């Protein structure tokens, strides 16, 4: 059974979120984008998952990156080649 889309927690106007969304679009990675400002349920999920409320945050199965820049995401992703392969990331 295919893995669900990665979850991308975002806030409107967040420059790091905008950069991350552009990066994932360039990489061809489809995302389940969730606006934590508009949906308190999503905010509670983000806090339960990461222990904080900062964005962008990314979840794909057990691979979680919270409050990141694109460079920080890439540094963590490179340590998980199976995740990169599944997502089609060219890192």
C-alpha atoms as a PDB file:
ATOM      1  CA  UNK A   1       0.000   0.000   0.000  1.00  0.00           C
ATOM      2  CA  UNK A   2       1.466   3.415  -0.944  1.00  0.00           C
ATOM      3  CA  UNK A   3       2.605   5.772   1.801  1.00  0.00           C
ATOM      4  CA  UNK A   4       0.361   8.826   2.282  1.00  0.00           C
ATOM      5  CA  UNK A   5       1.659  12.177   1.087  1.00  0.00           C
ATOM      6  CA  UNK A   6       4.169  13.925   3.353  1.00  0.00           C
ATOM      7  CA  UNK A   7       2.502  16.399   5.695  1.00  0.00           C
ATOM      8  CA  UNK A   8       3.777  19.959   5.484  1.00  0.00           C
ATOM      9  CA  UNK A   9       2.718  22.266   8.327  1.00  0.00           C
ATOM     10  CA  UNK A  10       2.776  25.924   7.319  1.00  0.00           C
ATOM     11  CA  UNK A  11       1.736  29.435   8.322  1.00  0.00           C
ATOM     12  CA  UNK A  12       0.733  32.146   5.829  1.00  0.00           C
ATOM     13  CA  UNK A  13       3.397  34.791   5.324  1.00  0.00           C
ATOM     14  CA  UNK A  14       6.203  32.602   6.694  1.00  0.00           C
ATOM     15  CA  UNK A  15       9.228  33.158   4.416  1.00  0.00           C
ATOM     16  CA  UNK A  16      10.801  29.802   5.364  1.00  0.00           C
ATOM     17  CA  UNK A  17       7.536  28.058   4.492  1.00  0.00           C
ATOM     18  CA  UNK A  18       7.464  29.793   1.110  1.00  0.00           C
ATOM     19  CA  UNK A  19      11.052  28.755   0.389  1.00  0.00           C
ATOM     20  CA  UNK A  20      10.389  25.170   1.474  1.00  0.00           C
ATOM     21  CA  UNK A  21       7.239  24.932  -0.668  1.00  0.00           C
ATOM     22  CA  UNK A  22       9.208  26.185  -3.674  1.00  0.00           C
ATOM     23  CA  UNK A  23      11.944  23.613  -2.976  1.00  0.00           C
ATOM     24  CA  UNK A  24       9.470  20.727  -2.787  1.00  0.00           C
ATOM     25  CA  UNK A  25       7.730  21.931  -5.961  1.00  0.00           C
ATOM     26  CA  UNK A  26      11.096  22.048  -7.795  1.00  0.00           C
ATOM     27  CA  UNK A  27      11.794  18.507  -6.565  1.00  0.00           C
ATOM     28  CA  UNK A  28       8.357  17.307  -7.706  1.00  0.00           C
ATOM     29  CA  UNK A  29       7.328  16.262  -4.200  1.00  0.00           C
ATOM     30  CA  UNK A  30       3.582  16.374  -3.628  1.00  0.00           C
ATOM     31  CA  UNK A  31       2.569  17.465  -0.141  1.00  0.00           C
ATOM     32  CA  UNK A  32      -0.445  17.423   2.136  1.00  0.00           C
ATOM     33  CA  UNK A  33      -0.215  21.125   3.116  1.00  0.00           C
ATOM     34  CA  UNK A  34      -1.798  22.041   6.445  1.00  0.00           C
ATOM     35  CA  UNK A  35      -2.211  25.643   7.592  1.00  0.00           C
ATOM     36  CA  UNK A  36      -1.804  25.636  11.367  1.00  0.00           C
ATOM     37  CA  UNK A  37      -2.962  29.262  11.620  1.00  0.00           C
ATOM     38  CA  UNK A  38      -6.359  28.472  10.123  1.00  0.00           C
ATOM     39  CA  UNK A  39      -6.955  25.141  11.856  1.00  0.00           C
ATOM     40  CA  UNK A  40      -6.340  24.692  15.587  1.00  0.00           C
ATOM     41  CA  UNK A  41      -6.638  20.907  15.230  1.00  0.00           C
ATOM     42  CA  UNK A  42      -3.624  21.005  12.899  1.00  0.00           C
ATOM     43  CA  UNK A  43      -1.772  23.260  15.356  1.00  0.00           C
ATOM     44  CA  UNK A  44      -2.420  20.764  18.155  1.00  0.00           C
ATOM     45  CA  UNK A  45      -1.168  17.945  15.921  1.00  0.00           C
ATOM     46  CA  UNK A  46       1.984  19.926  15.111  1.00  0.00           C
ATOM     47  CA  UNK A  47       2.686  20.580  18.791  1.00  0.00           C
ATOM     48  CA  UNK A  48       2.034  16.947  19.725  1.00  0.00           C
ATOM     49  CA  UNK A  49       4.342  15.787  16.934  1.00  0.00           C
ATOM     50  CA  UNK A  50       7.233  18.235  17.372  1.00  0.00           C
ATOM     51  CA  UNK A  51       6.836  19.732  20.834  1.00  0.00           C
ATOM     52  CA  UNK A  52       6.613  23.245  19.399  1.00  0.00           C
ATOM     53  CA  UNK A  53       4.462  25.430  17.139  1.00  0.00           C
ATOM     54  CA  UNK A  54       7.043  26.634  14.614  1.00  0.00           C
ATOM     55  CA  UNK A  55       6.844  26.193  10.868  1.00  0.00           C
ATOM     56  CA  UNK A  56       7.680  24.893   8.440  1.00  0.00           C
ATOM     57  CA  UNK A  57       7.530  21.360   9.755  1.00  0.00           C
ATOM     58  CA  UNK A  58       7.513  18.181   7.692  1.00  0.00           C
ATOM     59  CA  UNK A  59       6.408  14.634   8.417  1.00  0.00           C
ATOM     60  CA  UNK A  60       6.738  11.559   6.260  1.00  0.00           C
ATOM     61  CA  UNK A  61       6.094   8.457   8.331  1.00  0.00           C
ATOM     62  CA  UNK A  62       8.692   8.478  11.112  1.00  0.00           C
ATOM     63  CA  UNK A  63      10.851  11.074   9.315  1.00  0.00           C
ATOM     64  CA  UNK A  64      10.123  14.431  10.954  1.00  0.00           C
ATOM     65  CA  UNK A  65      11.873  17.772  10.480  1.00  0.00           C
ATOM     66  CA  UNK A  66      10.575  20.679  12.557  1.00  0.00           C
ATOM     67  CA  UNK A  67      11.160  24.409  12.161  1.00  0.00           C
ATOM     68  CA  UNK A  68      13.655  24.180   9.292  1.00  0.00           C
ATOM     69  CA  UNK A  69      15.308  26.066   6.475  1.00  0.00           C
ATOM     70  CA  UNK A  70      15.778  24.233   3.172  1.00  0.00           C
ATOM     71  CA  UNK A  71      19.465  23.680   4.012  1.00  0.00           C
ATOM     72  CA  UNK A  72      18.557  22.191   7.399  1.00  0.00           C
ATOM     73  CA  UNK A  73      16.005  19.915   5.734  1.00  0.00           C
ATOM     74  CA  UNK A  74      18.584  18.749   3.186  1.00  0.00           C
ATOM     75  CA  UNK A  75      21.157  18.040   5.896  1.00  0.00           C
ATOM     76  CA  UNK A  76      18.712  15.812   7.745  1.00  0.00           C
ATOM     77  CA  UNK A  77      17.302  14.204   4.583  1.00  0.00           C
ATOM     78  CA  UNK A  78      20.776  13.151   3.403  1.00  0.00           C
ATOM     79  CA  UNK A  79      21.033  10.988   6.527  1.00  0.00           C
ATOM     80  CA  UNK A  80      17.902   9.087   5.420  1.00  0.00           C
ATOM     81  CA  UNK A  81      18.553   7.849   1.869  1.00  0.00           C
ATOM     82  CA  UNK A  82      15.523   5.528   1.871  1.00  0.00           C
ATOM     83  CA  UNK A  83      13.231   8.486   2.564  1.00  0.00           C
ATOM     84  CA  UNK A  84      14.918  10.506  -0.184  1.00  0.00           C
ATOM     85  CA  UNK A  85      14.445   7.648  -2.624  1.00  0.00           C
ATOM     86  CA  UNK A  86      10.756   7.185  -1.737  1.00  0.00           C
ATOM     87  CA  UNK A  87      10.072  10.899  -2.119  1.00  0.00           C
ATOM     88  CA  UNK A  88      12.188  11.245  -5.244  1.00  0.00           C
ATOM     89  CA  UNK A  89      14.386  13.910  -3.642  1.00  0.00           C
ATOM     90  CA  UNK A  90      17.515  14.796  -5.550  1.00  0.00           C
ATOM     91  CA  UNK A  91      19.820  15.780  -2.683  1.00  0.00           C
END
